[in-house]
Amino acid sequence: MNKNFPIMDSHMHLLTKKMVDGFREEMKKRDPRLYEEAKRQSEWRAKTLNQPSWEPENEPVEATAKRWLDELDKNQIAKGVFIHFAKDGEELEEFVRFAPDRFVGFIGLNPLDPESPELLERFVNEKGFRGLKLYPLTQKYHVYEERVYPMYEKARKLRIPVLIHMGISIAYTADLRYANPIDLQPVARDFPDLNIIVAHFGAGFMQESLLLCYHCANVYFDTSGSNIWMKYLPYPITLKEVFQKFLENATSDRILYGTDSSTFPRGYRRDLLDLHLSTFRELKLPEEEIQKIFGGNIARLVGISI
């Protein structure tokens, strides 16, 4: 890999044993059968799709932070955005504090919780978080619902981007009725100065994501993950063709490199870094545009330099 510029990964995850155990306990309480089926689905994916199960080490957050810092160094990644889903945010706060010049925190909150807008303001102003993550598929709301609007308004006032998972999900509890990225069009229209990031190119809803490019100049798309959703489209498509389509419609100003790195022993997904970089270079993209995609755009959105 030939690179002579700093790279910032826009989509990574902090997963701890406490967090994963919390997810499982919540499923068990809701429905023990749901928990058992989710476990079977995870085992099936690990076997047939080569997707590792989420089994974080039982270790202090500082130890996890040290491992991730080593991974960033080894793979020459200047900074990484780490997403956290626990409401208290304490683990991510401790994690970022270990290497604040390398780790950037996005907090995951449920906008249906009336405390969430106030919590978001506290996380940003007092704890240094730089973005919000929403997961409507598991939190069960349409992104255009007015009851979600106070969250967008708070993010707008705080001048932070909102990263939203749309499309298919490995979460067994996900509800695909809330998955269509086109639902974001009225949100982007009503909040023109709010920067919205659609994860994984919309994870299977490619046409809908591309239509957003036409209507909404404040919607961005990240490249993160294996993009396995391509396998389930009704027509064959390559990653190069996906990148080409989004370059034609979103331009390099609204595409963000990411890997969805989350667990050990897999660690940083270097294979995706190499694949994404080589694919953009196959498209003969000028170096300055590659630099925007691989760090410049996300750094601008969160208000830092790399």
C-alpha atoms as a PDB file:
ATOM      1  CA  MET A   1       0.000   0.000   0.000  1.00  0.00           C
ATOM      2  CA  ASN A   2       1.371   3.366  -1.017  1.00  0.00           C
ATOM      3  CA  LYS A   3       0.103   6.246   1.106  1.00  0.00           C
ATOM      4  CA  ASN A   4       1.780   9.466   2.050  1.00  0.00           C
ATOM      5  CA  PHE A   5      -0.980  11.158   4.011  1.00  0.00           C
ATOM      6  CA  PRO A   6      -2.647  10.722   7.419  1.00  0.00           C
ATOM      7  CA  ILE A   7      -5.690   8.417   7.534  1.00  0.00           C
ATOM      8  CA  MET A   8      -8.665   8.812   9.860  1.00  0.00           C
ATOM      9  CA  ASP A   9     -11.126   5.930  10.159  1.00  0.00           C
ATOM     10  CA  SER A  10     -14.662   7.321  10.474  1.00  0.00           C
ATOM     11  CA  HIS A  11     -16.366   4.164  11.762  1.00  0.00           C
ATOM     12  CA  MET A  12     -15.005   1.907  14.510  1.00  0.00           C
ATOM     13  CA  HIS A  13     -16.531   0.433  17.666  1.00  0.00           C
ATOM     14  CA  LEU A  14     -15.585   0.175  21.289  1.00  0.00           C
ATOM     15  CA  LEU A  15     -16.995  -3.141  22.506  1.00  0.00           C
ATOM     16  CA  THR A  16     -16.455  -4.255  26.089  1.00  0.00           C
ATOM     17  CA  LYS A  17     -17.580  -7.322  27.998  1.00  0.00           C
ATOM     18  CA  LYS A  18     -19.792  -5.148  30.174  1.00  0.00           C
ATOM     19  CA  MET A  19     -21.514  -3.766  27.094  1.00  0.00           C
ATOM     20  CA  VAL A  20     -22.049  -7.099  25.349  1.00  0.00           C
ATOM     21  CA  ASP A  21     -23.277  -8.732  28.563  1.00  0.00           C
ATOM     22  CA  GLY A  22     -25.730  -5.856  28.904  1.00  0.00           C
ATOM     23  CA  PHE A  23     -27.089  -6.458  25.406  1.00  0.00           C
ATOM     24  CA  ARG A  24     -27.590 -10.132  26.179  1.00  0.00           C
ATOM     25  CA  GLU A  25     -29.274  -9.547  29.519  1.00  0.00           C
ATOM     26  CA  GLU A  26     -31.666  -7.126  27.872  1.00  0.00           C
ATOM     27  CA  MET A  27     -32.596  -9.749  25.260  1.00  0.00           C
ATOM     28  CA  LYS A  28     -33.034 -12.440  27.905  1.00  0.00           C
ATOM     29  CA  LYS A  29     -35.384 -10.221  29.905  1.00  0.00           C
ATOM     30  CA  ARG A  30     -37.385  -9.276  26.846  1.00  0.00           C
ATOM     31  CA  ASP A  31     -37.746 -12.821  25.534  1.00  0.00           C
ATOM     32  CA  PRO A  32     -35.484 -15.825  26.329  1.00  0.00           C
ATOM     33  CA  ARG A  33     -36.344 -17.319  22.938  1.00  0.00           C
ATOM     34  CA  LEU A  34     -35.113 -14.148  21.270  1.00  0.00           C
ATOM     35  CA  TYR A  35     -31.795 -14.508  23.032  1.00  0.00           C
ATOM     36  CA  GLU A  36     -31.391 -18.149  21.980  1.00  0.00           C
ATOM     37  CA  GLU A  37     -32.240 -17.409  18.351  1.00  0.00           C
ATOM     38  CA  ALA A  38     -29.861 -14.430  18.289  1.00  0.00           C
ATOM     39  CA  LYS A  39     -27.107 -16.725  19.543  1.00  0.00           C
ATOM     40  CA  ARG A  40     -27.848 -19.264  16.806  1.00  0.00           C
ATOM     41  CA  GLN A  41     -27.812 -16.529  14.182  1.00  0.00           C
ATOM     42  CA  SER A  42     -24.440 -15.301  15.422  1.00  0.00           C
ATOM     43  CA  GLU A  43     -23.014 -18.814  15.240  1.00  0.00           C
ATOM     44  CA  TRP A  44     -24.410 -19.267  11.709  1.00  0.00           C
ATOM     45  CA  ARG A  45     -22.856 -15.996  10.519  1.00  0.00           C
ATOM     46  CA  ALA A  46     -19.515 -16.881  12.053  1.00  0.00           C
ATOM     47  CA  LYS A  47     -19.538 -20.213  10.220  1.00  0.00           C
ATOM     48  CA  THR A  48     -21.026 -19.334   6.825  1.00  0.00           C
ATOM     49  CA  LEU A  49     -20.167 -15.641   6.353  1.00  0.00           C
ATOM     50  CA  ASN A  50     -16.859 -15.585   8.208  1.00  0.00           C
ATOM     51  CA  GLN A  51     -18.173 -12.949  10.605  1.00  0.00           C
ATOM     52  CA  PRO A  52     -16.585 -13.186  14.058  1.00  0.00           C
ATOM     53  CA  SER A  53     -18.818 -13.288  17.088  1.00  0.00           C
ATOM     54  CA  TRP A  54     -18.654 -10.361  19.516  1.00  0.00           C
ATOM     55  CA  GLU A  55     -16.788 -11.788  22.497  1.00  0.00           C
ATOM     56  CA  PRO A  56     -14.663  -9.006  23.988  1.00  0.00           C
ATOM     57  CA  GLU A  57     -11.963  -9.856  26.501  1.00  0.00           C
ATOM     58  CA  ASN A  58     -12.808  -9.365  30.168  1.00  0.00           C
ATOM     59  CA  GLU A  59     -10.234  -6.623  30.685  1.00  0.00           C
ATOM     60  CA  PRO A  60     -10.075  -3.027  31.949  1.00  0.00           C
ATOM     61  CA  VAL A  61     -10.955  -0.296  29.456  1.00  0.00           C
ATOM     62  CA  GLU A  62      -7.379   0.975  29.668  1.00  0.00           C
ATOM     63  CA  ALA A  63      -6.088  -2.382  28.434  1.00  0.00           C
ATOM     64  CA  THR A  64      -8.514  -2.311  25.498  1.00  0.00           C
ATOM     65  CA  ALA A  65      -7.427   1.249  24.708  1.00  0.00           C
ATOM     66  CA  LYS A  66      -3.783   0.187  24.701  1.00  0.00           C
ATOM     67  CA  ARG A  67      -4.555  -2.622  22.254  1.00  0.00           C
ATOM     68  CA  TRP A  68      -6.391  -0.267  19.906  1.00  0.00           C
ATOM     69  CA  LEU A  69      -3.636   2.322  20.079  1.00  0.00           C
ATOM     70  CA  ASP A  70      -1.144  -0.371  19.095  1.00  0.00           C
ATOM     71  CA  GLU A  71      -3.414  -1.373  16.198  1.00  0.00           C
ATOM     72  CA  LEU A  72      -3.641   2.190  14.927  1.00  0.00           C
ATOM     73  CA  ASP A  73       0.135   2.527  15.117  1.00  0.00           C
ATOM     74  CA  LYS A  74       0.739  -0.795  13.368  1.00  0.00           C
ATOM     75  CA  ASN A  75      -1.605   0.110  10.516  1.00  0.00           C
ATOM     76  CA  GLN A  76      -0.539   3.760  10.279  1.00  0.00           C
ATOM     77  CA  ILE A  77      -3.959   5.164  11.184  1.00  0.00           C
ATOM     78  CA  ALA A  78      -3.718   8.688  12.577  1.00  0.00           C
ATOM     79  CA  LYS A  79      -7.112   8.755  14.320  1.00  0.00           C
ATOM     80  CA  GLY A  80     -10.221   6.645  14.684  1.00  0.00           C
ATOM     81  CA  VAL A  81     -13.852   7.428  15.469  1.00  0.00           C
ATOM     82  CA  PHE A  82     -15.083   4.986  18.116  1.00  0.00           C
ATOM     83  CA  ILE A  83     -18.801   4.433  18.692  1.00  0.00           C
ATOM     84  CA  HIS A  84     -20.291   3.425  22.016  1.00  0.00           C
ATOM     85  CA  PHE A  85     -23.852   2.279  22.747  1.00  0.00           C
ATOM     86  CA  ALA A  86     -24.114   2.349  26.541  1.00  0.00           C
ATOM     87  CA  LYS A  87     -26.201   5.247  27.823  1.00  0.00           C
ATOM     88  CA  ASP A  88     -23.775   6.283  30.571  1.00  0.00           C
ATOM     89  CA  GLY A  89     -20.853   6.664  28.146  1.00  0.00           C
ATOM     90  CA  GLU A  90     -18.342   6.145  30.962  1.00  0.00           C
ATOM     91  CA  GLU A  91     -16.353   3.434  29.219  1.00  0.00           C
ATOM     92  CA  LEU A  92     -15.942   5.452  26.032  1.00  0.00           C
ATOM     93  CA  GLU A  93     -15.012   8.539  28.042  1.00  0.00           C
ATOM     94  CA  GLU A  94     -12.259   6.567  29.796  1.00  0.00           C
ATOM     95  CA  PHE A  95     -11.199   5.022  26.484  1.00  0.00           C
ATOM     96  CA  VAL A  96     -10.846   8.368  24.676  1.00  0.00           C
ATOM     97  CA  ARG A  97      -9.040   9.888  27.650  1.00  0.00           C
ATOM     98  CA  PHE A  98      -6.291   7.272  27.215  1.00  0.00           C
ATOM     99  CA  ALA A  99      -5.316   8.750  23.812  1.00  0.00           C
ATOM    100  CA  PRO A 100      -7.365  11.905  23.116  1.00  0.00           C
ATOM    101  CA  ASP A 101      -5.175  12.814  20.153  1.00  0.00           C
ATOM    102  CA  ARG A 102      -5.951   9.473  18.466  1.00  0.00           C
ATOM    103  CA  PHE A 103      -9.443   8.406  19.637  1.00  0.00           C
ATOM    104  CA  VAL A 104     -12.630  10.336  18.787  1.00  0.00           C
ATOM    105  CA  GLY A 105     -15.849   9.432  20.610  1.00  0.00           C
ATOM    106  CA  PHE A 106     -19.385   9.183  19.184  1.00  0.00           C
ATOM    107  CA  ILE A 107     -22.068   8.399  21.751  1.00  0.00           C
ATOM    108  CA  GLY A 108     -25.003   6.145  20.906  1.00  0.00           C
ATOM    109  CA  LEU A 109     -28.285   7.314  22.444  1.00  0.00           C
ATOM    110  CA  ASN A 110     -31.959   6.491  22.031  1.00  0.00           C
ATOM    111  CA  PRO A 111     -33.814   9.654  20.964  1.00  0.00           C
ATOM    112  CA  LEU A 112     -37.053   8.258  22.387  1.00  0.00           C
ATOM    113  CA  ASP A 113     -35.580   8.643  25.872  1.00  0.00           C
ATOM    114  CA  PRO A 114     -36.571  12.163  26.991  1.00  0.00           C
ATOM    115  CA  GLU A 115     -33.227  12.534  28.776  1.00  0.00           C
ATOM    116  CA  SER A 116     -31.182  11.948  25.619  1.00  0.00           C
ATOM    117  CA  PRO A 117     -30.919  15.547  24.302  1.00  0.00           C
ATOM    118  CA  GLU A 118     -29.629  16.743  27.673  1.00  0.00           C
ATOM    119  CA  LEU A 119     -27.269  13.765  27.915  1.00  0.00           C
ATOM    120  CA  LEU A 120     -25.920  14.505  24.456  1.00  0.00           C
ATOM    121  CA  GLU A 121     -25.163  18.101  25.403  1.00  0.00           C
ATOM    122  CA  ARG A 122     -23.329  16.916  28.509  1.00  0.00           C
ATOM    123  CA  PHE A 123     -21.312  14.316  26.582  1.00  0.00           C
ATOM    124  CA  VAL A 124     -20.230  16.910  24.033  1.00  0.00           C
ATOM    125  CA  ASN A 125     -19.633  19.927  26.261  1.00  0.00           C
ATOM    126  CA  GLU A 126     -18.251  18.191  29.353  1.00  0.00           C
ATOM    127  CA  LYS A 127     -16.761  14.913  28.118  1.00  0.00           C
ATOM    128  CA  GLY A 128     -15.430  15.892  24.704  1.00  0.00           C
ATOM    129  CA  PHE A 129     -17.551  13.620  22.508  1.00  0.00           C
ATOM    130  CA  ARG A 130     -17.747  14.763  18.888  1.00  0.00           C
ATOM    131  CA  GLY A 131     -20.688  12.946  17.355  1.00  0.00           C
ATOM    132  CA  LEU A 132     -23.953  11.081  17.863  1.00  0.00           C
ATOM    133  CA  LYS A 133     -24.861   7.564  16.680  1.00  0.00           C
ATOM    134  CA  LEU A 134     -28.481   6.542  16.115  1.00  0.00           C
ATOM    135  CA  TYR A 135     -29.717   3.010  15.428  1.00  0.00           C
ATOM    136  CA  PRO A 136     -33.401   3.238  14.451  1.00  0.00           C
ATOM    137  CA  LEU A 137     -33.616  -0.446  13.488  1.00  0.00           C
ATOM    138  CA  THR A 138     -33.066  -1.609  17.061  1.00  0.00           C
ATOM    139  CA  GLN A 139     -34.515   1.445  18.811  1.00  0.00           C
ATOM    140  CA  LYS A 140     -37.761   1.124  16.792  1.00  0.00           C
ATOM    141  CA  TYR A 141     -38.570   4.504  15.276  1.00  0.00           C
ATOM    142  CA  HIS A 142     -38.704   6.090  11.852  1.00  0.00           C
ATOM    143  CA  VAL A 143     -36.008   8.726  11.546  1.00  0.00           C
ATOM    144  CA  TYR A 144     -38.515  11.281  10.217  1.00  0.00           C
ATOM    145  CA  GLU A 145     -40.788  11.110  13.275  1.00  0.00           C
ATOM    146  CA  GLU A 146     -41.224  14.439  15.027  1.00  0.00           C
ATOM    147  CA  ARG A 147     -40.481  12.843  18.400  1.00  0.00           C
ATOM    148  CA  VAL A 148     -36.894  12.361  17.156  1.00  0.00           C
ATOM    149  CA  TYR A 149     -36.539  16.001  16.089  1.00  0.00           C
ATOM    150  CA  PRO A 150     -35.383  17.333  19.499  1.00  0.00           C
ATOM    151  CA  MET A 151     -32.308  15.114  19.109  1.00  0.00           C
ATOM    152  CA  TYR A 152     -31.510  16.529  15.687  1.00  0.00           C
ATOM    153  CA  GLU A 153     -32.023  20.053  16.967  1.00  0.00           C
ATOM    154  CA  LYS A 154     -29.621  19.451  19.843  1.00  0.00           C
ATOM    155  CA  ALA A 155     -26.979  17.979  17.513  1.00  0.00           C
ATOM    156  CA  ARG A 156     -27.441  20.948  15.175  1.00  0.00           C
ATOM    157  CA  LYS A 157     -26.886  23.428  17.988  1.00  0.00           C
ATOM    158  CA  LEU A 158     -23.828  21.509  19.174  1.00  0.00           C
ATOM    159  CA  ARG A 159     -22.477  21.451  15.596  1.00  0.00           C
ATOM    160  CA  ILE A 160     -21.807  17.710  15.636  1.00  0.00           C
ATOM    161  CA  PRO A 161     -22.568  15.123  12.934  1.00  0.00           C
ATOM    162  CA  VAL A 162     -25.167  12.393  13.367  1.00  0.00           C
ATOM    163  CA  LEU A 163     -24.153   8.917  12.181  1.00  0.00           C
ATOM    164  CA  ILE A 164     -27.166   6.710  11.436  1.00  0.00           C
ATOM    165  CA  HIS A 165     -27.268   3.003  10.679  1.00  0.00           C
ATOM    166  CA  MET A 166     -29.816   2.296   7.953  1.00  0.00           C
ATOM    167  CA  GLY A 167     -30.243  -0.901   5.943  1.00  0.00           C
ATOM    168  CA  ILE A 168     -29.566  -4.485   6.991  1.00  0.00           C
ATOM    169  CA  SER A 169     -27.968  -5.261  10.335  1.00  0.00           C
ATOM    170  CA  ILE A 170     -26.304  -8.180  12.083  1.00  0.00           C
ATOM    171  CA  ALA A 171     -28.451  -7.393  15.149  1.00  0.00           C
ATOM    172  CA  TYR A 172     -31.127 -10.084  15.375  1.00  0.00           C
ATOM    173  CA  THR A 173     -33.388  -7.612  17.180  1.00  0.00           C
ATOM    174  CA  ALA A 174     -33.289  -5.234  14.200  1.00  0.00           C
ATOM    175  CA  ASP A 175     -36.577  -4.326  12.509  1.00  0.00           C
ATOM    176  CA  LEU A 176     -36.171  -3.622   8.790  1.00  0.00           C
ATOM    177  CA  ARG A 177     -39.341  -1.521   8.712  1.00  0.00           C
ATOM    178  CA  TYR A 178     -37.115   1.294  10.023  1.00  0.00           C
ATOM    179  CA  ALA A 179     -34.212   0.655   7.639  1.00  0.00           C
ATOM    180  CA  ASN A 180     -34.894   2.741   4.521  1.00  0.00           C
ATOM    181  CA  PRO A 181     -32.426   5.647   4.061  1.00  0.00           C
ATOM    182  CA  ILE A 182     -34.969   7.560   1.979  1.00  0.00           C
ATOM    183  CA  ASP A 183     -36.707   8.300   5.294  1.00  0.00           C
ATOM    184  CA  LEU A 184     -33.873  10.740   5.984  1.00  0.00           C
ATOM    185  CA  GLN A 185     -34.885  13.094   3.163  1.00  0.00           C
ATOM    186  CA  PRO A 186     -37.333  15.191   5.235  1.00  0.00           C
ATOM    187  CA  VAL A 187     -34.839  15.287   8.116  1.00  0.00           C
ATOM    188  CA  ALA A 188     -32.040  16.588   5.902  1.00  0.00           C
ATOM    189  CA  ARG A 189     -34.484  19.088   4.399  1.00  0.00           C
ATOM    190  CA  ASP A 190     -35.690  20.357   7.787  1.00  0.00           C
ATOM    191  CA  PHE A 191     -32.156  20.557   9.223  1.00  0.00           C
ATOM    192  CA  PRO A 192     -30.049  21.814   6.287  1.00  0.00           C
ATOM    193  CA  ASP A 193     -27.118  22.723   8.551  1.00  0.00           C
ATOM    194  CA  LEU A 194     -27.042  19.317  10.284  1.00  0.00           C
ATOM    195  CA  ASN A 195     -24.480  16.897   8.855  1.00  0.00           C
ATOM    196  CA  ILE A 196     -25.904  13.371   8.580  1.00  0.00           C
ATOM    197  CA  ILE A 197     -23.737  10.314   7.883  1.00  0.00           C
ATOM    198  CA  VAL A 198     -25.359   7.171   6.491  1.00  0.00           C
ATOM    199  CA  ALA A 199     -23.297   4.153   7.536  1.00  0.00           C
ATOM    200  CA  HIS A 200     -22.287   1.378   5.102  1.00  0.00           C
ATOM    201  CA  PHE A 201     -23.689   3.184   2.025  1.00  0.00           C
ATOM    202  CA  GLY A 202     -27.160   2.412   3.375  1.00  0.00           C
ATOM    203  CA  ALA A 203     -26.389  -1.324   3.717  1.00  0.00           C
ATOM    204  CA  GLY A 204     -28.413  -2.713   0.834  1.00  0.00           C
ATOM    205  CA  PHE A 205     -30.540   0.334   0.057  1.00  0.00           C
ATOM    206  CA  MET A 206     -28.155   1.606  -2.578  1.00  0.00           C
ATOM    207  CA  GLN A 207     -30.667   3.292  -4.882  1.00  0.00           C
ATOM    208  CA  GLU A 208     -32.362   5.036  -1.977  1.00  0.00           C
ATOM    209  CA  SER A 209     -29.007   6.282  -0.716  1.00  0.00           C
ATOM    210  CA  LEU A 210     -28.097   7.569  -4.163  1.00  0.00           C
ATOM    211  CA  LEU A 211     -31.420   9.419  -4.397  1.00  0.00           C
ATOM    212  CA  LEU A 212     -30.479  11.223  -1.194  1.00  0.00           C
ATOM    213  CA  CYS A 213     -27.418  12.546  -3.007  1.00  0.00           C
ATOM    214  CA  TYR A 214     -29.728  14.363  -5.419  1.00  0.00           C
ATOM    215  CA  HIS A 215     -31.948  15.929  -2.767  1.00  0.00           C
ATOM    216  CA  CYS A 216     -29.692  16.439   0.232  1.00  0.00           C
ATOM    217  CA  ALA A 217     -26.298  18.146   0.156  1.00  0.00           C
ATOM    218  CA  ASN A 218     -25.837  17.584   3.898  1.00  0.00           C
ATOM    219  CA  VAL A 219     -25.948  13.756   3.762  1.00  0.00           C
ATOM    220  CA  TYR A 220     -22.662  11.816   3.760  1.00  0.00           C
ATOM    221  CA  PHE A 221     -21.915   8.112   3.303  1.00  0.00           C
ATOM    222  CA  ASP A 222     -19.281   5.916   4.874  1.00  0.00           C
ATOM    223  CA  THR A 223     -17.591   2.943   3.221  1.00  0.00           C
ATOM    224  CA  SER A 224     -17.359   0.910   6.419  1.00  0.00           C
ATOM    225  CA  GLY A 225     -17.613  -2.831   6.741  1.00  0.00           C
ATOM    226  CA  SER A 226     -17.343  -5.676   4.276  1.00  0.00           C
ATOM    227  CA  ASN A 227     -20.338  -4.316   2.300  1.00  0.00           C
ATOM    228  CA  ILE A 228     -21.732  -7.839   2.280  1.00  0.00           C
ATOM    229  CA  TRP A 229     -25.082  -6.291   1.378  1.00  0.00           C
ATOM    230  CA  MET A 230     -23.889  -6.317  -2.266  1.00  0.00           C
ATOM    231  CA  LYS A 231     -24.413 -10.082  -2.202  1.00  0.00           C
ATOM    232  CA  TYR A 232     -28.154  -9.627  -1.646  1.00  0.00           C
ATOM    233  CA  LEU A 233     -28.918  -7.179  -4.454  1.00  0.00           C
ATOM    234  CA  PRO A 234     -30.957  -8.580  -7.362  1.00  0.00           C
ATOM    235  CA  TYR A 235     -28.108  -7.824  -9.777  1.00  0.00           C
ATOM    236  CA  PRO A 236     -24.338  -8.411  -9.640  1.00  0.00           C
ATOM    237  CA  ILE A 237     -22.239  -5.438  -8.594  1.00  0.00           C
ATOM    238  CA  THR A 238     -18.637  -4.893  -7.561  1.00  0.00           C
ATOM    239  CA  LEU A 239     -17.216  -2.630  -4.889  1.00  0.00           C
ATOM    240  CA  LYS A 240     -15.544  -0.615  -7.625  1.00  0.00           C
ATOM    241  CA  GLU A 241     -18.946   0.007  -9.214  1.00  0.00           C
ATOM    242  CA  VAL A 242     -20.412   1.024  -5.849  1.00  0.00           C
ATOM    243  CA  PHE A 243     -17.591   3.509  -5.273  1.00  0.00           C
ATOM    244  CA  GLN A 244     -17.999   4.837  -8.821  1.00  0.00           C
ATOM    245  CA  LYS A 245     -21.734   5.417  -8.358  1.00  0.00           C
ATOM    246  CA  PHE A 246     -21.265   7.316  -5.109  1.00  0.00           C
ATOM    247  CA  LEU A 247     -18.411   9.355  -6.548  1.00  0.00           C
ATOM    248  CA  GLU A 248     -20.653  10.350  -9.451  1.00  0.00           C
ATOM    249  CA  ASN A 249     -23.517  11.389  -7.174  1.00  0.00           C
ATOM    250  CA  ALA A 250     -22.132  12.302  -3.755  1.00  0.00           C
ATOM    251  CA  THR A 251     -18.661  13.314  -5.021  1.00  0.00           C
ATOM    252  CA  SER A 252     -15.503  12.776  -2.978  1.00  0.00           C
ATOM    253  CA  ASP A 253     -16.627  15.585  -0.646  1.00  0.00           C
ATOM    254  CA  ARG A 254     -19.331  13.374   0.916  1.00  0.00           C
ATOM    255  CA  ILE A 255     -17.694   9.942   1.151  1.00  0.00           C
ATOM    256  CA  LEU A 256     -15.950   8.854   4.360  1.00  0.00           C
ATOM    257  CA  TYR A 257     -13.553   5.935   4.695  1.00  0.00           C
ATOM    258  CA  GLY A 258     -14.347   3.494   7.518  1.00  0.00           C
ATOM    259  CA  THR A 259     -13.798  -0.147   8.435  1.00  0.00           C
ATOM    260  CA  ASP A 260     -16.300  -1.033  11.201  1.00  0.00           C
ATOM    261  CA  SER A 261     -13.369  -2.497  13.169  1.00  0.00           C
ATOM    262  CA  SER A 262     -14.652  -3.681  16.534  1.00  0.00           C
ATOM    263  CA  THR A 263     -13.196  -6.817  18.062  1.00  0.00           C
ATOM    264  CA  PHE A 264     -10.061  -8.743  18.912  1.00  0.00           C
ATOM    265  CA  PRO A 265      -8.316 -10.938  17.925  1.00  0.00           C
ATOM    266  CA  ARG A 266      -9.293  -9.610  14.482  1.00  0.00           C
ATOM    267  CA  GLY A 267      -8.302  -6.076  15.492  1.00  0.00           C
ATOM    268  CA  TYR A 268      -7.991  -3.428  12.810  1.00  0.00           C
ATOM    269  CA  ARG A 269      -9.432  -4.491   9.470  1.00  0.00           C
ATOM    270  CA  ARG A 270      -6.344  -3.796   7.410  1.00  0.00           C
ATOM    271  CA  ASP A 271      -7.719  -5.838   4.541  1.00  0.00           C
ATOM    272  CA  LEU A 272     -10.498  -3.278   4.107  1.00  0.00           C
ATOM    273  CA  LEU A 273      -8.082  -0.361   4.236  1.00  0.00           C
ATOM    274  CA  ASP A 274      -5.994  -1.919   1.467  1.00  0.00           C
ATOM    275  CA  LEU A 275      -9.072  -2.868  -0.569  1.00  0.00           C
ATOM    276  CA  HIS A 276     -10.778   0.516  -0.305  1.00  0.00           C
ATOM    277  CA  LEU A 277      -7.625   2.469  -1.060  1.00  0.00           C
ATOM    278  CA  SER A 278      -6.669   0.320  -4.055  1.00  0.00           C
ATOM    279  CA  THR A 279     -10.235   0.476  -5.409  1.00  0.00           C
ATOM    280  CA  PHE A 280     -10.352   4.277  -5.324  1.00  0.00           C
ATOM    281  CA  ARG A 281      -6.967   4.353  -7.013  1.00  0.00           C
ATOM    282  CA  GLU A 282      -8.243   2.000  -9.725  1.00  0.00           C
ATOM    283  CA  LEU A 283     -10.855   4.664 -10.409  1.00  0.00           C
ATOM    284  CA  LYS A 284      -8.013   7.107 -11.122  1.00  0.00           C
ATOM    285  CA  LEU A 285      -9.165   9.412  -8.354  1.00  0.00           C
ATOM    286  CA  PRO A 286      -6.808  12.370  -7.841  1.00  0.00           C
ATOM    287  CA  GLU A 287      -4.698  12.146  -4.698  1.00  0.00           C
ATOM    288  CA  GLU A 288      -6.293  15.202  -3.102  1.00  0.00           C
ATOM    289  CA  GLU A 289      -9.731  13.589  -3.416  1.00  0.00           C
ATOM    290  CA  ILE A 290      -8.456  10.326  -1.928  1.00  0.00           C
ATOM    291  CA  GLN A 291      -7.096  12.285   1.022  1.00  0.00           C
ATOM    292  CA  LYS A 292     -10.525  13.842   1.624  1.00  0.00           C
ATOM    293  CA  ILE A 293     -12.217  10.440   1.639  1.00  0.00           C
ATOM    294  CA  PHE A 294      -9.586   8.827   3.870  1.00  0.00           C
ATOM    295  CA  GLY A 295      -9.670  11.430   6.596  1.00  0.00           C
ATOM    296  CA  GLY A 296     -10.158  14.987   5.460  1.00  0.00           C
ATOM    297  CA  ASN A 297     -13.948  14.834   5.301  1.00  0.00           C
ATOM    298  CA  ILE A 298     -14.555  13.248   8.701  1.00  0.00           C
ATOM    299  CA  ALA A 299     -11.962  15.512  10.333  1.00  0.00           C
ATOM    300  CA  ARG A 300     -13.813  18.530   8.946  1.00  0.00           C
ATOM    301  CA  LEU A 301     -17.180  17.226  10.176  1.00  0.00           C
ATOM    302  CA  VAL A 302     -15.949  16.730  13.754  1.00  0.00           C
ATOM    303  CA  GLY A 303     -13.888  19.916  13.780  1.00  0.00           C
ATOM    304  CA  ILE A 304     -10.357  18.585  14.204  1.00  0.00           C
ATOM    305  CA  SER A 305      -7.180  18.280  12.157  1.00  0.00           C
ATOM    306  CA  ILE A 306      -5.276  15.088  11.365  1.00  0.00           C
END
